[in-house]
Amino acid sequence: MTAPRREYLGTLVAWNERQRIFRTAEALEVDASNRFEIVRRRVFYDEVLLATLHREPGGGPGPWRLLAVAPILVLIGMAFGEAPAWRIGIWVTAGLFGLAGLAGLVLPSWIVTAFGKRARVQIRFRLREAKARTVYEDLCRAAAAAQAPAALEAVPPPLPESPTPGHPDESPPSLGYSERGEDG
């Protein structure tokens, strides 16, 4: 028995967890690692209820980590008061960390989300809008193809035509009023 072929799509990094997302023939697989255990969950294409693509400014833990390192480096640079070459080098490094952190907060990320019946998958693409749109379109196409047979079964059969009373050439029955609006 061979293992199903998995194609790596992307990651989602949070403060306490790292997720790697893969595409297989019948589902999206998420390998979530929180430093102690790895959990695998799947969102099957035939269970996808909603797929979204949206843009979000930077965020995530990456830029915040860079911004947290910058003031620490400034404090270390201040400790080297008698060695100005070291102090300037550390302050330049702190400035680079700060600029990289700010750039990470400002630059956009594209997020593809698939909501299933029991699970949700998010994939973050930084500065790769074309890749995000391609993954989103492939996800929608695969979900539609997987759900098409079930959608055909769910369509009720057409109602039979009800026979009309009387012949089509007959005039409609009279309601007891004359054309002038008076009782006849």
C-alpha atoms as a PDB file:
ATOM      1  CA  MET A   1       0.000   0.000   0.000  1.00  0.00           C
ATOM      2  CA  THR A   2       1.466   3.333  -1.003  1.00  0.00           C
ATOM      3  CA  ALA A   3       0.993   6.519   0.949  1.00  0.00           C
ATOM      4  CA  PRO A   4      -1.093   9.212  -0.758  1.00  0.00           C
ATOM      5  CA  ARG A   5       0.913  11.852  -2.580  1.00  0.00           C
ATOM      6  CA  ARG A   6       0.999  15.096  -0.611  1.00  0.00           C
ATOM      7  CA  GLU A   7       1.853  18.491  -2.056  1.00  0.00           C
ATOM      8  CA  TYR A   8       3.117  21.159   0.332  1.00  0.00           C
ATOM      9  CA  LEU A   9       1.031  24.350   0.152  1.00  0.00           C
ATOM     10  CA  GLY A  10       2.202  26.596   2.978  1.00  0.00           C
ATOM     11  CA  THR A  11       2.350  27.300   6.684  1.00  0.00           C
ATOM     12  CA  LEU A  12       0.596  29.186   9.413  1.00  0.00           C
ATOM     13  CA  VAL A  13       2.797  30.164  12.345  1.00  0.00           C
ATOM     14  CA  ALA A  14       1.211  31.260  15.612  1.00  0.00           C
ATOM     15  CA  TRP A  15       2.729  32.032  19.013  1.00  0.00           C
ATOM     16  CA  ASN A  16       2.351  28.502  20.298  1.00  0.00           C
ATOM     17  CA  GLU A  17       1.858  26.417  17.185  1.00  0.00           C
ATOM     18  CA  ARG A  18       3.237  25.838  13.710  1.00  0.00           C
ATOM     19  CA  GLN A  19       1.016  24.365  11.021  1.00  0.00           C
ATOM     20  CA  ARG A  20       2.149  22.884   7.733  1.00  0.00           C
ATOM     21  CA  ILE A  21      -0.599  22.433   5.155  1.00  0.00           C
ATOM     22  CA  PHE A  22      -0.568  19.809   2.416  1.00  0.00           C
ATOM     23  CA  ARG A  23      -2.915  18.991  -0.465  1.00  0.00           C
ATOM     24  CA  THR A  24      -3.873  15.402  -1.274  1.00  0.00           C
ATOM     25  CA  ALA A  25      -6.297  14.001  -3.825  1.00  0.00           C
ATOM     26  CA  GLU A  26      -9.263  14.039  -1.429  1.00  0.00           C
ATOM     27  CA  ALA A  27      -8.451  16.530   1.341  1.00  0.00           C
ATOM     28  CA  LEU A  28      -6.319  19.308   2.783  1.00  0.00           C
ATOM     29  CA  GLU A  29      -4.101  17.950   5.560  1.00  0.00           C
ATOM     30  CA  VAL A  30      -2.789  20.023   8.446  1.00  0.00           C
ATOM     31  CA  ASP A  31       0.175  18.893  10.530  1.00  0.00           C
ATOM     32  CA  ALA A  32       0.051  21.036  13.673  1.00  0.00           C
ATOM     33  CA  SER A  33       3.049  21.035  16.002  1.00  0.00           C
ATOM     34  CA  ASN A  34       3.066  22.709  19.395  1.00  0.00           C
ATOM     35  CA  ARG A  35       6.607  21.624  20.369  1.00  0.00           C
ATOM     36  CA  PHE A  36       5.425  18.484  22.189  1.00  0.00           C
ATOM     37  CA  GLU A  37       3.095  16.653  19.856  1.00  0.00           C
ATOM     38  CA  ILE A  38       2.100  16.608  16.218  1.00  0.00           C
ATOM     39  CA  VAL A  39      -1.579  16.414  15.356  1.00  0.00           C
ATOM     40  CA  ARG A  40      -2.833  15.712  11.849  1.00  0.00           C
ATOM     41  CA  ARG A  41      -6.297  16.768  10.817  1.00  0.00           C
ATOM     42  CA  ARG A  42      -8.030  16.856   7.465  1.00  0.00           C
ATOM     43  CA  VAL A  43     -10.654  18.934   5.722  1.00  0.00           C
ATOM     44  CA  PHE A  44     -12.137  16.765   3.000  1.00  0.00           C
ATOM     45  CA  TYR A  45     -13.165  18.507  -0.207  1.00  0.00           C
ATOM     46  CA  ASP A  46     -16.681  17.077  -0.055  1.00  0.00           C
ATOM     47  CA  GLU A  47     -17.120  18.615   3.430  1.00  0.00           C
ATOM     48  CA  VAL A  48     -15.966  22.153   2.566  1.00  0.00           C
ATOM     49  CA  LEU A  49     -18.699  24.603   3.519  1.00  0.00           C
ATOM     50  CA  LEU A  50     -16.902  27.862   2.746  1.00  0.00           C
ATOM     51  CA  ALA A  51     -13.601  28.941   1.220  1.00  0.00           C
ATOM     52  CA  THR A  52     -12.310  32.487   1.570  1.00  0.00           C
ATOM     53  CA  LEU A  53      -9.387  34.548   0.342  1.00  0.00           C
ATOM     54  CA  HIS A  54      -8.646  37.763   2.184  1.00  0.00           C
ATOM     55  CA  ARG A  55      -5.838  40.233   2.678  1.00  0.00           C
ATOM     56  CA  GLU A  56      -4.476  41.097   6.086  1.00  0.00           C
ATOM     57  CA  PRO A  57      -1.716  43.477   7.106  1.00  0.00           C
ATOM     58  CA  GLY A  58       1.425  41.633   8.282  1.00  0.00           C
ATOM     59  CA  GLY A  59       0.827  40.395  11.778  1.00  0.00           C
ATOM     60  CA  GLY A  60       1.698  37.013  13.126  1.00  0.00           C
ATOM     61  CA  PRO A  61       4.508  36.399  15.598  1.00  0.00           C
ATOM     62  CA  GLY A  62       7.418  37.042  13.207  1.00  0.00           C
ATOM     63  CA  PRO A  63       7.405  40.863  13.117  1.00  0.00           C
ATOM     64  CA  TRP A  64       6.669  41.087  16.825  1.00  0.00           C
ATOM     65  CA  ARG A  65       9.693  38.944  17.621  1.00  0.00           C
ATOM     66  CA  LEU A  66      11.921  41.222  15.559  1.00  0.00           C
ATOM     67  CA  LEU A  67      10.490  44.294  17.271  1.00  0.00           C
ATOM     68  CA  ALA A  68      11.100  42.692  20.689  1.00  0.00           C
ATOM     69  CA  VAL A  69      14.771  41.994  19.901  1.00  0.00           C
ATOM     70  CA  ALA A  70      15.500  45.587  18.801  1.00  0.00           C
ATOM     71  CA  PRO A  71      15.221  47.281  22.257  1.00  0.00           C
ATOM     72  CA  ILE A  72      17.188  44.453  23.852  1.00  0.00           C
ATOM     73  CA  LEU A  73      19.990  45.108  21.391  1.00  0.00           C
ATOM     74  CA  VAL A  74      19.832  48.852  22.173  1.00  0.00           C
ATOM     75  CA  LEU A  75      20.285  48.066  25.879  1.00  0.00           C
ATOM     76  CA  ILE A  76      23.224  45.777  25.108  1.00  0.00           C
ATOM     77  CA  GLY A  77      24.732  48.541  22.960  1.00  0.00           C
ATOM     78  CA  MET A  78      24.428  50.972  25.866  1.00  0.00           C
ATOM     79  CA  ALA A  79      26.391  48.525  28.044  1.00  0.00           C
ATOM     80  CA  PHE A  80      29.382  48.862  25.706  1.00  0.00           C
ATOM     81  CA  GLY A  81      30.034  52.499  26.692  1.00  0.00           C
ATOM     82  CA  GLU A  82      33.823  52.301  26.445  1.00  0.00           C
ATOM     83  CA  ALA A  83      33.917  50.544  23.041  1.00  0.00           C
ATOM     84  CA  PRO A  84      32.160  52.890  20.571  1.00  0.00           C
ATOM     85  CA  ALA A  85      32.747  50.622  17.559  1.00  0.00           C
ATOM     86  CA  TRP A  86      30.847  47.773  19.235  1.00  0.00           C
ATOM     87  CA  ARG A  87      28.110  50.114  20.433  1.00  0.00           C
ATOM     88  CA  ILE A  88      27.509  51.560  16.963  1.00  0.00           C
ATOM     89  CA  GLY A  89      27.531  48.078  15.388  1.00  0.00           C
ATOM     90  CA  ILE A  90      24.951  46.780  17.873  1.00  0.00           C
ATOM     91  CA  TRP A  91      22.753  49.876  17.448  1.00  0.00           C
ATOM     92  CA  VAL A  92      22.833  49.490  13.656  1.00  0.00           C
ATOM     93  CA  THR A  93      21.831  45.848  14.088  1.00  0.00           C
ATOM     94  CA  ALA A  94      18.998  46.918  16.425  1.00  0.00           C
ATOM     95  CA  GLY A  95      17.827  49.438  13.829  1.00  0.00           C
ATOM     96  CA  LEU A  96      17.810  46.760  11.126  1.00  0.00           C
ATOM     97  CA  PHE A  97      15.782  44.444  13.366  1.00  0.00           C
ATOM     98  CA  GLY A  98      13.333  47.279  14.063  1.00  0.00           C
ATOM     99  CA  LEU A  99      12.945  48.146  10.371  1.00  0.00           C
ATOM    100  CA  ALA A 100      12.437  44.495   9.449  1.00  0.00           C
ATOM    101  CA  GLY A 101       9.785  44.177  12.167  1.00  0.00           C
ATOM    102  CA  LEU A 102       7.948  47.298  10.988  1.00  0.00           C
ATOM    103  CA  ALA A 103       8.093  46.116   7.382  1.00  0.00           C
ATOM    104  CA  GLY A 104       6.617  42.794   8.472  1.00  0.00           C
ATOM    105  CA  LEU A 105       3.731  44.591  10.151  1.00  0.00           C
ATOM    106  CA  VAL A 106       2.996  46.857   7.184  1.00  0.00           C
ATOM    107  CA  LEU A 107       3.389  44.480   4.234  1.00  0.00           C
ATOM    108  CA  PRO A 108       0.267  42.435   3.405  1.00  0.00           C
ATOM    109  CA  SER A 109      -0.373  38.751   3.832  1.00  0.00           C
ATOM    110  CA  TRP A 110      -2.906  36.806   1.825  1.00  0.00           C
ATOM    111  CA  ILE A 111      -4.827  34.181   3.762  1.00  0.00           C
ATOM    112  CA  VAL A 112      -6.751  31.279   2.233  1.00  0.00           C
ATOM    113  CA  THR A 113      -9.230  29.667   4.622  1.00  0.00           C
ATOM    114  CA  ALA A 114     -11.287  26.512   4.136  1.00  0.00           C
ATOM    115  CA  PHE A 115     -14.079  25.825   6.614  1.00  0.00           C
ATOM    116  CA  GLY A 116     -15.151  22.208   6.894  1.00  0.00           C
ATOM    117  CA  LYS A 117     -17.793  20.533   9.018  1.00  0.00           C
ATOM    118  CA  ARG A 118     -15.335  19.684  11.797  1.00  0.00           C
ATOM    119  CA  ALA A 119     -12.128  21.576  11.066  1.00  0.00           C
ATOM    120  CA  ARG A 120     -10.700  24.738   9.551  1.00  0.00           C
ATOM    121  CA  VAL A 121      -7.542  25.254   7.504  1.00  0.00           C
ATOM    122  CA  GLN A 122      -5.729  28.568   7.119  1.00  0.00           C
ATOM    123  CA  ILE A 123      -2.736  29.155   4.862  1.00  0.00           C
ATOM    124  CA  ARG A 124      -0.794  32.444   5.003  1.00  0.00           C
ATOM    125  CA  PHE A 125       1.093  33.748   1.971  1.00  0.00           C
ATOM    126  CA  ARG A 126       3.319  36.771   2.572  1.00  0.00           C
ATOM    127  CA  LEU A 127       3.778  38.962  -0.517  1.00  0.00           C
ATOM    128  CA  ARG A 128       2.580  36.156  -2.813  1.00  0.00           C
ATOM    129  CA  GLU A 129      -0.848  37.166  -4.004  1.00  0.00           C
ATOM    130  CA  ALA A 130      -0.646  35.109  -7.211  1.00  0.00           C
ATOM    131  CA  LYS A 131       0.181  31.926  -5.273  1.00  0.00           C
ATOM    132  CA  ALA A 132      -2.678  32.587  -2.822  1.00  0.00           C
ATOM    133  CA  ARG A 133      -5.158  33.100  -5.659  1.00  0.00           C
ATOM    134  CA  THR A 134      -3.968  29.915  -7.387  1.00  0.00           C
ATOM    135  CA  VAL A 135      -4.370  27.857  -4.199  1.00  0.00           C
ATOM    136  CA  TYR A 136      -7.806  29.402  -3.584  1.00  0.00           C
ATOM    137  CA  GLU A 137      -9.005  28.631  -7.120  1.00  0.00           C
ATOM    138  CA  ASP A 138      -7.667  25.061  -6.929  1.00  0.00           C
ATOM    139  CA  LEU A 139      -9.410  24.585  -3.567  1.00  0.00           C
ATOM    140  CA  CYS A 140     -12.724  25.867  -4.935  1.00  0.00           C
ATOM    141  CA  ARG A 141     -12.403  23.717  -8.052  1.00  0.00           C
ATOM    142  CA  ALA A 142     -11.597  20.565  -6.044  1.00  0.00           C
ATOM    143  CA  ALA A 143     -14.443  21.199  -3.591  1.00  0.00           C
ATOM    144  CA  ALA A 144     -16.929  21.762  -6.412  1.00  0.00           C
ATOM    145  CA  ALA A 145     -15.807  18.585  -8.192  1.00  0.00           C
ATOM    146  CA  ALA A 146     -16.068  16.528  -4.991  1.00  0.00           C
ATOM    147  CA  GLN A 147     -19.489  17.915  -4.090  1.00  0.00           C
ATOM    148  CA  ALA A 148     -21.046  17.702  -7.584  1.00  0.00           C
ATOM    149  CA  PRO A 149     -22.325  14.082  -7.294  1.00  0.00           C
ATOM    150  CA  ALA A 150     -23.925  14.785  -3.916  1.00  0.00           C
ATOM    151  CA  ALA A 151     -25.516  17.978  -5.264  1.00  0.00           C
ATOM    152  CA  LEU A 152     -27.094  16.046  -8.142  1.00  0.00           C
ATOM    153  CA  GLU A 153     -28.581  13.518  -5.721  1.00  0.00           C
ATOM    154  CA  ALA A 154     -29.982  16.301  -3.513  1.00  0.00           C
ATOM    155  CA  VAL A 155     -31.987  17.922  -6.327  1.00  0.00           C
ATOM    156  CA  PRO A 156     -35.636  16.865  -5.987  1.00  0.00           C
ATOM    157  CA  PRO A 157     -37.357  15.474  -9.082  1.00  0.00           C
ATOM    158  CA  PRO A 158     -39.570  17.908 -10.982  1.00  0.00           C
ATOM    159  CA  LEU A 159     -43.213  18.018  -9.968  1.00  0.00           C
ATOM    160  CA  PRO A 160     -45.652  16.439 -12.397  1.00  0.00           C
ATOM    161  CA  GLU A 161     -47.813  18.853 -14.335  1.00  0.00           C
ATOM    162  CA  SER A 162     -51.235  19.149 -12.769  1.00  0.00           C
ATOM    163  CA  PRO A 163     -54.127  18.719 -15.170  1.00  0.00           C
ATOM    164  CA  THR A 164     -56.069  21.914 -15.758  1.00  0.00           C
ATOM    165  CA  PRO A 165     -59.813  21.766 -15.201  1.00  0.00           C
ATOM    166  CA  GLY A 166     -61.705  22.066 -18.427  1.00  0.00           C
ATOM    167  CA  HIS A 167     -60.523  22.500 -21.944  1.00  0.00           C
ATOM    168  CA  PRO A 168     -58.080  25.317 -22.811  1.00  0.00           C
ATOM    169  CA  ASP A 169     -60.588  26.808 -25.274  1.00  0.00           C
ATOM    170  CA  GLU A 170     -63.272  27.207 -22.620  1.00  0.00           C
ATOM    171  CA  SER A 171     -63.727  30.552 -20.958  1.00  0.00           C
ATOM    172  CA  PRO A 172     -63.115  30.799 -17.220  1.00  0.00           C
ATOM    173  CA  PRO A 173     -66.088  30.174 -14.983  1.00  0.00           C
ATOM    174  CA  SER A 174     -68.299  33.181 -14.258  1.00  0.00           C
ATOM    175  CA  LEU A 175     -68.323  34.688 -10.808  1.00  0.00           C
ATOM    176  CA  GLY A 176     -71.900  35.927 -11.060  1.00  0.00           C
ATOM    177  CA  TYR A 177     -71.160  39.530 -11.992  1.00  0.00           C
ATOM    178  CA  SER A 178     -71.873  41.256 -15.229  1.00  0.00           C
ATOM    179  CA  GLU A 179     -69.270  43.214 -17.139  1.00  0.00           C
ATOM    180  CA  ARG A 180     -70.617  46.531 -15.871  1.00  0.00           C
ATOM    181  CA  GLY A 181     -69.921  45.506 -12.304  1.00  0.00           C
ATOM    182  CA  GLU A 182     -73.591  44.977 -11.344  1.00  0.00           C
ATOM    183  CA  ASP A 183     -75.090  41.772 -10.094  1.00  0.00           C
ATOM    184  CA  GLY A 184     -76.510  39.689 -12.917  1.00  0.00           C
END
